[in-house]
N, C-alpha and C. Protein backbone atom coordinates (compact mmCIF):
# COMPACT_ATOMS: atom_id res chain seq x y z
N MET A 1 97.12 108.81 102.56
CA MET A 1 98.00 107.97 101.74
C MET A 1 99.08 107.35 102.62
N ARG A 2 99.18 106.04 102.60
CA ARG A 2 100.19 105.33 103.40
C ARG A 2 101.35 104.94 102.50
N GLN A 3 102.54 105.40 102.88
CA GLN A 3 103.75 105.08 102.14
C GLN A 3 104.76 104.43 103.09
N ILE A 4 105.48 103.46 102.58
CA ILE A 4 106.55 102.79 103.32
C ILE A 4 107.85 103.04 102.57
N VAL A 5 108.75 103.80 103.18
CA VAL A 5 110.06 104.05 102.60
C VAL A 5 110.97 102.91 103.05
N LEU A 6 111.52 102.16 102.10
CA LEU A 6 112.12 100.86 102.43
C LEU A 6 113.51 100.71 101.84
N ASP A 7 114.35 99.97 102.59
CA ASP A 7 115.68 99.62 102.10
C ASP A 7 116.04 98.23 102.64
N THR A 8 116.87 97.53 101.90
CA THR A 8 117.35 96.22 102.35
C THR A 8 118.87 96.16 102.25
N GLU A 9 119.46 95.26 103.03
CA GLU A 9 120.86 94.86 102.85
C GLU A 9 120.85 93.36 102.55
N THR A 10 121.82 92.92 101.76
CA THR A 10 121.79 91.56 101.25
C THR A 10 123.17 90.91 101.33
N THR A 11 123.19 89.61 101.06
CA THR A 11 124.46 88.87 101.07
C THR A 11 125.28 89.10 99.81
N GLY A 12 124.66 89.65 98.78
CA GLY A 12 125.33 89.88 97.50
C GLY A 12 124.40 90.62 96.57
N LEU A 13 124.77 90.69 95.30
CA LEU A 13 124.05 91.56 94.36
C LEU A 13 122.95 90.88 93.58
N ASP A 14 122.89 89.56 93.55
CA ASP A 14 121.98 88.89 92.61
C ASP A 14 121.12 87.84 93.32
N ALA A 15 119.84 88.14 93.45
CA ALA A 15 118.92 87.17 94.06
C ALA A 15 118.77 85.93 93.19
N GLU A 16 118.93 86.08 91.89
CA GLU A 16 118.77 84.94 90.98
C GLU A 16 119.79 83.84 91.26
N THR A 17 120.95 84.22 91.80
CA THR A 17 121.98 83.23 92.07
C THR A 17 121.97 82.77 93.54
N GLY A 18 120.90 83.09 94.25
CA GLY A 18 120.75 82.58 95.61
C GLY A 18 121.12 83.52 96.73
N HIS A 19 121.44 84.77 96.42
CA HIS A 19 121.74 85.71 97.49
C HIS A 19 120.46 86.07 98.24
N ARG A 20 120.61 86.44 99.51
CA ARG A 20 119.47 86.61 100.39
C ARG A 20 119.47 87.97 101.09
N ILE A 21 118.32 88.33 101.59
CA ILE A 21 118.18 89.55 102.40
C ILE A 21 118.69 89.27 103.81
N ILE A 22 119.46 90.21 104.37
CA ILE A 22 119.92 90.06 105.75
C ILE A 22 119.42 91.19 106.66
N GLU A 23 118.87 92.25 106.08
CA GLU A 23 118.33 93.34 106.90
C GLU A 23 117.25 94.06 106.10
N ILE A 24 116.15 94.38 106.78
CA ILE A 24 115.08 95.19 106.19
C ILE A 24 114.85 96.37 107.13
N GLY A 25 114.83 97.57 106.56
CA GLY A 25 114.49 98.77 107.32
C GLY A 25 113.40 99.52 106.59
N ALA A 26 112.39 100.01 107.31
CA ALA A 26 111.28 100.69 106.65
C ALA A 26 110.72 101.77 107.57
N VAL A 27 110.32 102.87 106.97
CA VAL A 27 109.77 104.02 107.68
C VAL A 27 108.38 104.30 107.13
N GLU A 28 107.40 104.44 108.00
CA GLU A 28 106.03 104.68 107.56
C GLU A 28 105.72 106.17 107.51
N LEU A 29 105.13 106.59 106.39
CA LEU A 29 104.58 107.93 106.22
C LEU A 29 103.09 107.82 105.94
N ILE A 30 102.29 108.60 106.62
CA ILE A 30 100.88 108.71 106.29
C ILE A 30 100.58 110.17 105.99
N ASP A 31 100.08 110.42 104.79
CA ASP A 31 99.86 111.79 104.33
C ASP A 31 101.12 112.62 104.50
N ARG A 32 102.27 112.01 104.16
CA ARG A 32 103.58 112.67 104.18
C ARG A 32 104.04 113.05 105.57
N ARG A 33 103.52 112.41 106.58
CA ARG A 33 103.95 112.66 107.95
C ARG A 33 104.55 111.38 108.53
N PHE A 34 105.66 111.51 109.27
CA PHE A 34 106.26 110.36 109.94
C PHE A 34 105.34 109.91 111.06
N THR A 35 105.07 108.61 111.10
CA THR A 35 104.19 108.08 112.14
C THR A 35 104.96 107.45 113.29
N GLY A 36 106.21 107.08 113.09
CA GLY A 36 106.97 106.34 114.10
C GLY A 36 106.74 104.85 114.04
N ASN A 37 105.82 104.41 113.19
CA ASN A 37 105.54 102.97 113.04
C ASN A 37 106.52 102.38 112.03
N ASN A 38 107.76 102.25 112.45
CA ASN A 38 108.82 101.76 111.56
C ASN A 38 108.98 100.25 111.69
N TYR A 39 109.68 99.67 110.74
CA TYR A 39 109.94 98.23 110.74
C TYR A 39 111.44 98.01 110.56
N HIS A 40 112.02 97.18 111.42
CA HIS A 40 113.45 96.89 111.31
C HIS A 40 113.69 95.45 111.72
N GLN A 41 114.37 94.71 110.85
CA GLN A 41 114.59 93.29 111.14
C GLN A 41 115.90 92.82 110.51
N TYR A 42 116.76 92.19 111.33
CA TYR A 42 117.90 91.46 110.81
C TYR A 42 117.47 90.02 110.56
N ILE A 43 118.09 89.39 109.55
CA ILE A 43 117.64 88.07 109.12
C ILE A 43 118.85 87.16 108.91
N GLN A 44 118.77 85.94 109.42
CA GLN A 44 119.78 84.92 109.19
C GLN A 44 119.61 84.37 107.78
N PRO A 45 120.60 84.56 106.89
CA PRO A 45 120.41 84.20 105.48
C PRO A 45 120.66 82.74 105.16
N GLU A 46 121.23 81.99 106.09
CA GLU A 46 121.53 80.58 105.86
C GLU A 46 122.49 80.38 104.68
N ARG A 47 123.42 81.32 104.52
CA ARG A 47 124.45 81.21 103.49
C ARG A 47 125.54 82.24 103.81
N ASP A 48 126.66 82.15 103.08
CA ASP A 48 127.75 83.09 103.27
C ASP A 48 127.41 84.47 102.73
N ILE A 49 128.16 85.47 103.18
CA ILE A 49 128.02 86.84 102.71
C ILE A 49 129.24 87.18 101.86
N ASP A 50 129.01 87.71 100.66
CA ASP A 50 130.12 88.10 99.80
C ASP A 50 130.99 89.15 100.48
N GLU A 51 132.29 89.07 100.25
CA GLU A 51 133.21 90.03 100.84
C GLU A 51 132.88 91.46 100.42
N GLU A 52 132.52 91.65 99.17
CA GLU A 52 132.19 93.00 98.69
C GLU A 52 130.97 93.55 99.42
N ALA A 53 129.96 92.71 99.62
CA ALA A 53 128.77 93.15 100.35
C ALA A 53 129.11 93.46 101.80
N LEU A 54 129.97 92.65 102.39
CA LEU A 54 130.38 92.86 103.78
C LEU A 54 131.08 94.20 103.95
N ARG A 55 131.87 94.59 102.96
CA ARG A 55 132.55 95.89 103.03
C ARG A 55 131.56 97.04 102.96
N VAL A 56 130.43 96.82 102.29
CA VAL A 56 129.42 97.88 102.15
C VAL A 56 128.63 98.07 103.43
N HIS A 57 128.12 96.96 104.01
CA HIS A 57 127.22 97.11 105.17
C HIS A 57 127.82 96.68 106.50
N GLY A 58 128.89 95.91 106.49
CA GLY A 58 129.56 95.53 107.73
C GLY A 58 128.80 94.55 108.60
N ILE A 59 127.78 93.90 108.06
CA ILE A 59 126.98 92.94 108.83
C ILE A 59 127.61 91.55 108.67
N THR A 60 128.09 90.98 109.75
CA THR A 60 128.85 89.73 109.70
C THR A 60 127.96 88.51 109.92
N PRO A 61 128.39 87.34 109.44
CA PRO A 61 127.66 86.11 109.74
C PRO A 61 127.55 85.85 111.23
N GLU A 62 128.56 86.21 111.99
CA GLU A 62 128.53 85.99 113.44
C GLU A 62 127.41 86.82 114.08
N PHE A 63 127.23 88.05 113.63
CA PHE A 63 126.17 88.90 114.16
C PHE A 63 124.79 88.33 113.84
N LEU A 64 124.66 87.71 112.67
CA LEU A 64 123.37 87.21 112.22
C LEU A 64 123.06 85.80 112.72
N ALA A 65 124.00 85.18 113.41
CA ALA A 65 123.87 83.77 113.76
C ALA A 65 122.61 83.46 114.57
N ASP A 66 122.20 84.37 115.46
CA ASP A 66 121.03 84.11 116.30
C ASP A 66 119.77 84.83 115.83
N LYS A 67 119.81 85.39 114.61
CA LYS A 67 118.66 86.11 114.09
C LYS A 67 117.68 85.16 113.41
N PRO A 68 116.40 85.52 113.31
CA PRO A 68 115.43 84.62 112.67
C PRO A 68 115.67 84.50 111.17
N VAL A 69 115.26 83.39 110.59
CA VAL A 69 115.29 83.24 109.14
C VAL A 69 114.07 83.94 108.56
N PHE A 70 114.08 84.14 107.26
CA PHE A 70 113.02 84.95 106.64
C PHE A 70 111.64 84.34 106.85
N SER A 71 111.54 83.03 106.81
CA SER A 71 110.23 82.39 106.97
C SER A 71 109.58 82.73 108.32
N GLU A 72 110.40 83.05 109.31
CA GLU A 72 109.87 83.38 110.64
C GLU A 72 109.34 84.81 110.73
N VAL A 73 109.75 85.67 109.82
CA VAL A 73 109.31 87.07 109.88
C VAL A 73 108.43 87.43 108.68
N ALA A 74 108.27 86.52 107.74
CA ALA A 74 107.61 86.85 106.48
C ALA A 74 106.17 87.34 106.67
N ALA A 75 105.41 86.68 107.52
CA ALA A 75 104.00 87.05 107.70
C ALA A 75 103.86 88.46 108.27
N ASP A 76 104.67 88.78 109.27
CA ASP A 76 104.61 90.12 109.86
C ASP A 76 105.05 91.19 108.87
N PHE A 77 106.10 90.89 108.10
CA PHE A 77 106.59 91.84 107.11
C PHE A 77 105.55 92.06 106.02
N LEU A 78 104.94 90.99 105.57
CA LEU A 78 103.90 91.10 104.54
C LEU A 78 102.74 91.97 105.03
N GLU A 79 102.32 91.74 106.27
CA GLU A 79 101.22 92.52 106.83
C GLU A 79 101.59 94.00 106.93
N TYR A 80 102.86 94.28 107.24
CA TYR A 80 103.32 95.67 107.39
C TYR A 80 103.28 96.43 106.06
N ILE A 81 103.70 95.80 104.97
CA ILE A 81 103.78 96.52 103.70
C ILE A 81 102.49 96.44 102.88
N LYS A 82 101.60 95.53 103.18
CA LYS A 82 100.43 95.27 102.34
C LYS A 82 99.58 96.53 102.16
N GLY A 83 99.29 96.85 100.92
CA GLY A 83 98.42 97.97 100.60
C GLY A 83 99.09 99.32 100.55
N ALA A 84 100.38 99.39 100.89
CA ALA A 84 101.08 100.67 100.92
C ALA A 84 101.74 100.96 99.57
N GLU A 85 102.13 102.21 99.39
CA GLU A 85 103.03 102.56 98.30
C GLU A 85 104.45 102.46 98.85
N LEU A 86 105.27 101.62 98.24
CA LEU A 86 106.66 101.49 98.67
C LEU A 86 107.50 102.54 97.95
N VAL A 87 108.31 103.26 98.72
CA VAL A 87 109.21 104.26 98.17
C VAL A 87 110.63 103.71 98.34
N ILE A 88 111.30 103.43 97.23
CA ILE A 88 112.58 102.73 97.26
C ILE A 88 113.52 103.37 96.25
N HIS A 89 114.80 103.48 96.60
CA HIS A 89 115.80 104.00 95.67
C HIS A 89 116.40 102.81 94.93
N ASN A 90 116.20 102.78 93.62
CA ASN A 90 116.56 101.63 92.78
C ASN A 90 115.69 100.44 93.15
N ALA A 91 114.39 100.63 92.97
CA ALA A 91 113.40 99.66 93.43
C ALA A 91 113.55 98.25 92.86
N PRO A 92 113.93 98.06 91.59
CA PRO A 92 114.03 96.68 91.08
C PRO A 92 114.94 95.79 91.93
N PHE A 93 116.00 96.37 92.49
CA PHE A 93 116.91 95.57 93.32
C PHE A 93 116.20 95.04 94.55
N ASP A 94 115.63 95.93 95.36
CA ASP A 94 114.99 95.51 96.61
C ASP A 94 113.74 94.67 96.36
N VAL A 95 112.92 95.10 95.42
CA VAL A 95 111.70 94.35 95.12
C VAL A 95 112.04 92.96 94.60
N GLY A 96 113.08 92.87 93.78
CA GLY A 96 113.50 91.56 93.28
C GLY A 96 113.90 90.63 94.40
N PHE A 97 114.64 91.12 95.37
CA PHE A 97 115.03 90.29 96.51
C PHE A 97 113.82 89.89 97.35
N ILE A 98 112.92 90.83 97.61
CA ILE A 98 111.73 90.49 98.40
C ILE A 98 110.89 89.45 97.68
N ASP A 99 110.69 89.61 96.37
CA ASP A 99 109.92 88.63 95.61
C ASP A 99 110.56 87.25 95.68
N HIS A 100 111.89 87.17 95.60
CA HIS A 100 112.56 85.88 95.69
C HIS A 100 112.40 85.27 97.08
N GLU A 101 112.49 86.09 98.12
CA GLU A 101 112.30 85.56 99.47
C GLU A 101 110.89 84.97 99.63
N PHE A 102 109.88 85.66 99.13
CA PHE A 102 108.52 85.14 99.20
C PHE A 102 108.38 83.87 98.35
N MET A 103 109.01 83.86 97.19
CA MET A 103 108.92 82.71 96.30
C MET A 103 109.52 81.46 96.93
N TRP A 104 110.66 81.62 97.63
CA TRP A 104 111.33 80.46 98.23
C TRP A 104 110.53 79.87 99.39
N LEU A 105 109.56 80.61 99.91
CA LEU A 105 108.75 80.07 100.99
C LEU A 105 107.78 79.01 100.49
N ALA A 106 107.43 79.08 99.20
CA ALA A 106 106.52 78.10 98.60
C ALA A 106 105.25 77.93 99.42
N ALA A 107 104.71 79.06 99.89
CA ALA A 107 103.50 78.98 100.72
C ALA A 107 102.44 79.95 100.22
N GLY A 108 102.41 80.20 98.93
CA GLY A 108 101.40 81.05 98.36
C GLY A 108 101.59 82.53 98.63
N TYR A 109 102.80 82.94 98.95
CA TYR A 109 103.04 84.36 99.18
C TYR A 109 103.00 85.12 97.85
N PRO A 110 102.50 86.37 97.86
CA PRO A 110 102.37 87.12 96.61
C PRO A 110 103.67 87.77 96.19
N LYS A 111 103.68 88.30 94.98
CA LYS A 111 104.74 89.23 94.58
C LYS A 111 104.40 90.61 95.13
N VAL A 112 105.42 91.42 95.28
CA VAL A 112 105.22 92.77 95.82
C VAL A 112 104.21 93.54 94.99
N ALA A 113 104.28 93.42 93.65
CA ALA A 113 103.39 94.17 92.77
C ALA A 113 101.92 93.80 92.95
N ASP A 114 101.67 92.63 93.55
CA ASP A 114 100.29 92.20 93.77
C ASP A 114 99.66 92.87 94.98
N ILE A 115 100.47 93.41 95.88
CA ILE A 115 99.94 93.95 97.13
C ILE A 115 100.34 95.40 97.39
N CYS A 116 101.25 95.93 96.59
CA CYS A 116 101.76 97.29 96.80
C CYS A 116 101.93 97.99 95.46
N THR A 117 101.92 99.31 95.50
CA THR A 117 102.46 100.08 94.38
C THR A 117 103.89 100.48 94.77
N VAL A 118 104.69 100.82 93.78
CA VAL A 118 106.10 101.11 94.04
C VAL A 118 106.47 102.43 93.36
N LEU A 119 107.11 103.31 94.14
CA LEU A 119 107.67 104.55 93.60
C LEU A 119 109.18 104.45 93.71
N ASP A 120 109.86 104.52 92.58
CA ASP A 120 111.32 104.40 92.54
C ASP A 120 111.91 105.81 92.54
N THR A 121 112.57 106.20 93.63
CA THR A 121 113.13 107.54 93.72
C THR A 121 114.32 107.72 92.77
N LEU A 122 114.94 106.63 92.34
CA LEU A 122 116.01 106.76 91.35
C LEU A 122 115.43 107.21 90.02
N VAL A 123 114.30 106.63 89.63
CA VAL A 123 113.62 107.04 88.39
C VAL A 123 113.16 108.48 88.51
N LEU A 124 112.60 108.83 89.66
CA LEU A 124 112.15 110.20 89.90
C LEU A 124 113.31 111.18 89.79
N ALA A 125 114.44 110.84 90.43
CA ALA A 125 115.61 111.72 90.38
C ALA A 125 116.16 111.85 88.98
N ARG A 126 116.11 110.78 88.21
CA ARG A 126 116.61 110.83 86.83
C ARG A 126 115.78 111.80 85.99
N LYS A 127 114.47 111.85 86.25
CA LYS A 127 113.61 112.78 85.52
C LYS A 127 113.86 114.22 85.96
N MET A 128 114.11 114.40 87.26
CA MET A 128 114.28 115.75 87.80
C MET A 128 115.66 116.32 87.53
N HIS A 129 116.68 115.43 87.49
CA HIS A 129 118.07 115.89 87.36
C HIS A 129 118.79 115.07 86.29
N PRO A 130 118.36 115.16 85.04
CA PRO A 130 119.01 114.37 83.98
C PRO A 130 120.49 114.71 83.88
N GLY A 131 121.29 113.67 83.85
CA GLY A 131 122.72 113.85 83.75
C GLY A 131 123.42 114.08 85.07
N GLY A 132 122.66 114.23 86.15
CA GLY A 132 123.26 114.47 87.46
C GLY A 132 123.64 113.18 88.16
N ARG A 133 124.39 113.30 89.26
CA ARG A 133 124.74 112.14 90.07
C ARG A 133 123.52 111.77 90.91
N LEU A 134 123.16 110.49 90.91
CA LEU A 134 121.87 110.08 91.46
C LEU A 134 121.98 109.08 92.60
N SER A 135 123.19 108.88 93.14
CA SER A 135 123.31 108.02 94.32
C SER A 135 122.60 108.68 95.50
N LEU A 136 122.30 107.91 96.51
CA LEU A 136 121.65 108.46 97.70
C LEU A 136 122.51 109.55 98.32
N ASP A 137 123.81 109.31 98.41
CA ASP A 137 124.71 110.32 98.99
C ASP A 137 124.73 111.59 98.15
N ALA A 138 124.80 111.45 96.83
CA ALA A 138 124.84 112.63 95.96
C ALA A 138 123.56 113.44 96.06
N LEU A 139 122.43 112.77 96.12
CA LEU A 139 121.15 113.47 96.21
C LEU A 139 120.98 114.13 97.58
N CYS A 140 121.49 113.49 98.62
CA CYS A 140 121.46 114.12 99.94
C CYS A 140 122.25 115.42 99.92
N SER A 141 123.39 115.42 99.26
CA SER A 141 124.19 116.63 99.15
C SER A 141 123.43 117.70 98.37
N ARG A 142 122.78 117.32 97.31
CA ARG A 142 122.03 118.27 96.48
C ARG A 142 120.89 118.92 97.27
N TYR A 143 120.21 118.12 98.11
CA TYR A 143 119.03 118.62 98.81
C TYR A 143 119.31 119.03 100.26
N GLY A 144 120.57 118.98 100.66
CA GLY A 144 120.91 119.41 102.01
C GLY A 144 120.42 118.48 103.10
N ILE A 145 120.36 117.18 102.81
CA ILE A 145 119.94 116.18 103.79
C ILE A 145 121.16 115.69 104.54
N ASP A 146 121.11 115.71 105.88
CA ASP A 146 122.25 115.29 106.70
C ASP A 146 122.35 113.77 106.70
N ASN A 147 123.41 113.25 106.09
CA ASN A 147 123.66 111.80 106.14
C ASN A 147 125.02 111.52 106.75
N SER A 148 125.43 112.39 107.69
CA SER A 148 126.76 112.28 108.29
C SER A 148 126.93 110.99 109.09
N GLN A 149 125.83 110.37 109.54
CA GLN A 149 125.94 109.13 110.31
C GLN A 149 126.11 107.91 109.40
N ARG A 150 126.07 108.12 108.10
CA ARG A 150 126.07 107.00 107.16
C ARG A 150 127.50 106.63 106.79
N VAL A 151 128.22 106.00 107.72
CA VAL A 151 129.56 105.50 107.43
C VAL A 151 129.46 104.20 106.65
N LEU A 152 128.68 103.26 107.16
CA LEU A 152 128.34 102.04 106.45
C LEU A 152 126.86 102.08 106.08
N HIS A 153 126.50 101.32 105.06
CA HIS A 153 125.09 101.22 104.72
C HIS A 153 124.36 100.43 105.81
N GLY A 154 123.18 100.90 106.17
CA GLY A 154 122.31 100.18 107.09
C GLY A 154 120.89 100.41 106.64
N ALA A 155 120.07 99.37 106.64
CA ALA A 155 118.76 99.47 106.00
C ALA A 155 117.86 100.50 106.66
N LEU A 156 117.78 100.51 108.00
CA LEU A 156 116.88 101.45 108.66
C LEU A 156 117.38 102.88 108.52
N LEU A 157 118.68 103.10 108.72
CA LEU A 157 119.24 104.45 108.56
C LEU A 157 119.04 104.94 107.14
N ASP A 158 119.30 104.09 106.15
CA ASP A 158 119.12 104.49 104.76
C ASP A 158 117.66 104.79 104.46
N ALA A 159 116.74 104.02 105.06
CA ALA A 159 115.31 104.28 104.85
C ALA A 159 114.92 105.63 105.45
N GLU A 160 115.45 105.95 106.62
CA GLU A 160 115.16 107.24 107.26
C GLU A 160 115.70 108.39 106.42
N ILE A 161 116.92 108.23 105.90
CA ILE A 161 117.52 109.26 105.05
C ILE A 161 116.72 109.41 103.76
N LEU A 162 116.33 108.28 103.18
CA LEU A 162 115.55 108.32 101.93
C LEU A 162 114.20 108.98 102.16
N ALA A 163 113.58 108.76 103.31
CA ALA A 163 112.29 109.40 103.60
C ALA A 163 112.45 110.92 103.60
N ASP A 164 113.50 111.42 104.27
CA ASP A 164 113.75 112.87 104.27
C ASP A 164 114.02 113.36 102.85
N LEU A 165 114.79 112.60 102.10
CA LEU A 165 115.13 112.99 100.74
C LEU A 165 113.89 113.01 99.86
N TYR A 166 113.06 111.98 99.96
CA TYR A 166 111.84 111.91 99.15
C TYR A 166 110.93 113.11 99.41
N LEU A 167 110.76 113.46 100.68
CA LEU A 167 109.92 114.60 101.02
C LEU A 167 110.50 115.89 100.46
N ALA A 168 111.82 116.04 100.53
CA ALA A 168 112.46 117.23 99.98
C ALA A 168 112.31 117.29 98.46
N MET A 169 112.42 116.16 97.80
CA MET A 169 112.32 116.12 96.34
C MET A 169 110.91 116.41 95.86
N THR A 170 109.91 116.11 96.67
CA THR A 170 108.52 116.18 96.21
C THR A 170 107.72 117.27 96.90
N GLY A 171 108.41 118.28 97.43
CA GLY A 171 107.67 119.41 97.93
C GLY A 171 107.91 119.77 99.37
N GLY A 172 108.73 119.01 100.07
CA GLY A 172 109.10 119.41 101.42
C GLY A 172 108.48 118.60 102.52
N GLN A 173 109.10 118.71 103.67
CA GLN A 173 108.71 118.05 104.90
C GLN A 173 107.39 118.63 105.40
N THR A 174 106.51 117.77 105.92
CA THR A 174 105.22 118.25 106.42
C THR A 174 105.04 118.01 107.90
N ARG A 175 106.08 117.56 108.60
CA ARG A 175 105.94 117.29 110.03
C ARG A 175 105.99 118.61 110.79
N LEU A 176 104.89 119.01 111.40
CA LEU A 176 104.81 120.26 112.15
C LEU A 176 103.91 120.06 113.35
N SER A 177 104.44 120.32 114.51
CA SER A 177 103.67 120.19 115.73
C SER A 177 103.38 121.56 116.30
N LEU A 178 102.22 121.74 116.89
CA LEU A 178 101.86 122.99 117.54
C LEU A 178 101.97 122.88 119.04
N GLY A 179 102.76 121.93 119.51
CA GLY A 179 102.99 121.81 120.95
C GLY A 179 102.01 120.83 121.58
N GLY A 180 102.35 120.46 122.81
CA GLY A 180 101.45 119.60 123.57
C GLY A 180 101.79 118.13 123.51
N ASP A 181 102.66 117.72 122.55
CA ASP A 181 102.99 116.30 122.46
C ASP A 181 104.47 116.05 122.73
N GLY A 182 105.19 117.09 123.14
CA GLY A 182 106.59 116.90 123.51
C GLY A 182 107.52 116.73 122.33
N ASP A 183 107.01 116.89 121.09
CA ASP A 183 107.84 116.71 119.91
C ASP A 183 107.60 117.85 118.94
N ASP A 184 107.96 119.07 119.39
CA ASP A 184 107.60 120.23 118.57
C ASP A 184 108.72 120.68 117.65
N ASP A 185 109.89 120.03 117.72
CA ASP A 185 110.99 120.36 116.81
C ASP A 185 111.30 121.85 116.80
N GLY A 186 111.05 122.55 117.91
CA GLY A 186 111.36 123.97 117.95
C GLY A 186 110.27 124.87 117.44
N PHE A 187 109.13 124.27 116.99
CA PHE A 187 108.07 125.08 116.43
C PHE A 187 106.82 125.08 117.31
N GLY A 188 106.91 124.57 118.50
CA GLY A 188 105.75 124.50 119.37
C GLY A 188 105.43 125.83 120.02
N VAL A 189 104.39 125.82 120.85
CA VAL A 189 103.95 127.04 121.49
C VAL A 189 105.06 127.67 122.32
N GLU A 190 105.89 126.83 122.96
CA GLU A 190 106.95 127.36 123.81
C GLU A 190 107.96 128.20 123.01
N ALA A 191 108.05 127.95 121.70
CA ALA A 191 109.04 128.65 120.88
C ALA A 191 108.51 129.96 120.31
N LEU A 192 107.21 130.24 120.49
CA LEU A 192 106.65 131.47 119.95
C LEU A 192 107.13 132.68 120.73
N ARG A 193 107.42 133.76 120.01
CA ARG A 193 107.83 134.99 120.66
C ARG A 193 106.83 136.09 120.29
N ARG A 194 106.17 136.66 121.28
CA ARG A 194 105.16 137.68 121.03
C ARG A 194 105.81 139.00 120.60
N VAL A 195 105.15 139.71 119.70
CA VAL A 195 105.65 141.01 119.27
C VAL A 195 104.90 142.10 120.02
N ALA A 196 105.49 143.28 120.09
CA ALA A 196 104.90 144.38 120.85
C ALA A 196 103.59 144.83 120.19
N ALA A 197 102.59 145.10 121.02
CA ALA A 197 101.29 145.49 120.51
C ALA A 197 101.36 146.83 119.78
N GLU A 198 102.30 147.71 120.17
CA GLU A 198 102.37 149.05 119.58
C GLU A 198 103.25 149.10 118.33
N ARG A 199 103.68 147.96 117.83
CA ARG A 199 104.55 147.96 116.67
C ARG A 199 103.83 148.54 115.46
N SER A 200 104.58 149.02 114.49
CA SER A 200 104.00 149.55 113.25
C SER A 200 103.42 148.41 112.43
N PRO A 201 102.33 148.69 111.69
CA PRO A 201 101.76 147.63 110.84
C PRO A 201 102.79 147.11 109.85
N LEU A 202 102.75 145.82 109.62
CA LEU A 202 103.68 145.25 108.65
C LEU A 202 103.23 145.59 107.23
N PRO A 203 104.17 145.90 106.35
CA PRO A 203 103.80 146.18 104.97
C PRO A 203 103.31 144.91 104.28
N ILE A 204 102.39 145.08 103.37
CA ILE A 204 101.88 143.96 102.58
C ILE A 204 102.63 143.94 101.24
N VAL A 205 103.34 142.89 100.99
CA VAL A 205 104.11 142.76 99.76
C VAL A 205 103.47 141.69 98.89
N HIS A 206 102.97 142.09 97.74
CA HIS A 206 102.31 141.14 96.85
C HIS A 206 103.34 140.47 95.94
N ALA A 207 103.07 139.22 95.61
CA ALA A 207 103.96 138.48 94.71
C ALA A 207 103.93 139.10 93.33
N SER A 208 105.08 139.09 92.68
CA SER A 208 105.18 139.56 91.31
C SER A 208 104.64 138.50 90.36
N ALA A 209 104.43 138.89 89.11
CA ALA A 209 103.96 137.94 88.10
C ALA A 209 104.94 136.78 87.95
N GLU A 210 106.23 137.10 88.00
CA GLU A 210 107.25 136.04 87.88
C GLU A 210 107.19 135.09 89.07
N GLU A 211 106.99 135.62 90.26
CA GLU A 211 106.90 134.78 91.45
C GLU A 211 105.66 133.91 91.42
N LEU A 212 104.53 134.47 90.95
CA LEU A 212 103.30 133.68 90.84
C LEU A 212 103.47 132.56 89.82
N ALA A 213 104.16 132.85 88.73
CA ALA A 213 104.40 131.82 87.71
C ALA A 213 105.29 130.72 88.27
N ALA A 214 106.33 131.10 89.03
CA ALA A 214 107.23 130.10 89.63
C ALA A 214 106.48 129.26 90.65
N HIS A 215 105.57 129.90 91.41
CA HIS A 215 104.78 129.17 92.40
C HIS A 215 103.87 128.15 91.72
N GLU A 216 103.23 128.55 90.61
CA GLU A 216 102.36 127.63 89.89
C GLU A 216 103.16 126.47 89.30
N GLU A 217 104.36 126.76 88.81
CA GLU A 217 105.22 125.69 88.28
C GLU A 217 105.57 124.68 89.37
N ARG A 218 105.84 125.19 90.58
CA ARG A 218 106.15 124.30 91.70
C ARG A 218 104.94 123.46 92.07
N LEU A 219 103.75 124.06 92.09
CA LEU A 219 102.55 123.30 92.40
C LEU A 219 102.30 122.21 91.37
N GLN A 220 102.53 122.52 90.10
CA GLN A 220 102.34 121.52 89.06
C GLN A 220 103.32 120.36 89.23
N HIS A 221 104.54 120.66 89.67
CA HIS A 221 105.53 119.61 89.94
C HIS A 221 105.05 118.70 91.08
N ILE A 222 104.54 119.32 92.17
CA ILE A 222 104.04 118.53 93.29
C ILE A 222 102.85 117.68 92.86
N ASP A 223 101.94 118.27 92.06
CA ASP A 223 100.80 117.52 91.54
C ASP A 223 101.25 116.27 90.80
N LYS A 224 102.33 116.41 90.04
CA LYS A 224 102.80 115.32 89.19
C LYS A 224 103.42 114.19 89.98
N VAL A 225 104.23 114.53 90.98
CA VAL A 225 105.00 113.48 91.67
C VAL A 225 104.36 113.01 92.97
N ALA A 226 103.43 113.78 93.54
CA ALA A 226 102.90 113.40 94.85
C ALA A 226 101.40 113.54 94.97
N GLY A 227 100.71 113.74 93.87
CA GLY A 227 99.28 113.96 93.95
C GLY A 227 98.97 115.43 94.17
N GLU A 228 97.69 115.76 94.19
CA GLU A 228 97.29 117.17 94.28
C GLU A 228 97.92 117.87 95.47
N ALA A 229 98.55 119.01 95.20
CA ALA A 229 99.23 119.77 96.26
C ALA A 229 98.22 120.25 97.29
N LEU A 230 98.62 120.19 98.56
CA LEU A 230 97.75 120.62 99.64
C LEU A 230 97.31 122.07 99.47
N TRP A 231 98.19 122.91 98.91
CA TRP A 231 97.88 124.33 98.69
C TRP A 231 96.59 124.48 97.88
N ARG A 232 96.41 123.63 96.86
CA ARG A 232 95.23 123.75 96.01
C ARG A 232 93.95 123.39 96.77
N LYS A 233 94.08 122.48 97.72
CA LYS A 233 92.91 122.08 98.49
C LYS A 233 92.49 123.15 99.49
N LEU A 234 93.44 123.99 99.88
CA LEU A 234 93.16 125.01 100.90
C LEU A 234 92.85 126.37 100.30
N HIS A 235 93.07 126.53 99.00
CA HIS A 235 92.86 127.84 98.38
C HIS A 235 91.96 127.71 97.15
């Protein structure tokens, strides 16, 4: 399963009134694993940036002056997202802006819904935590996701944070290396510590009925939000 966790920054809040995308950040997951095939692009919007938006993301017109316009990056961006499931927090906002950017090209570009499926993590969070605070920062706090670098909003950083958050919300991170590729995150062969051969046998502790019921409930949750849990395929 190919998923693209995506975020945008814009000149303002409403694409209907002519506001434009100025930054796209996206992180690719395949079978819930980070691939490193990310997408990041700043875009010259050919219009002013609202002061309120500028305070949020800090991206100035001067910085964007030499960046490509959307028509110059549209084909590559379309190819990158085509066929994937997009994972977005408050998806109508970002999808609406992308659809308007494609529409203004007047070159037969599709709507996002024609080429992708969309998973809105805001909708997911609302189902999981009714009545709770559902901003990206609040959810990071709830799930213990480090967003300390997030002083200003930035599309790629927010996409990376959202990817970690999405994995935590839907059953956990699956990136695990067994060594040999230089990216073992502390879990590679070099980190293994051998135990003494003469040690006493470890006791076998069986799960209680309550623990088995809680485990099944967790598997059912994963089945619902992310497809069949890997545990079921292996057991």
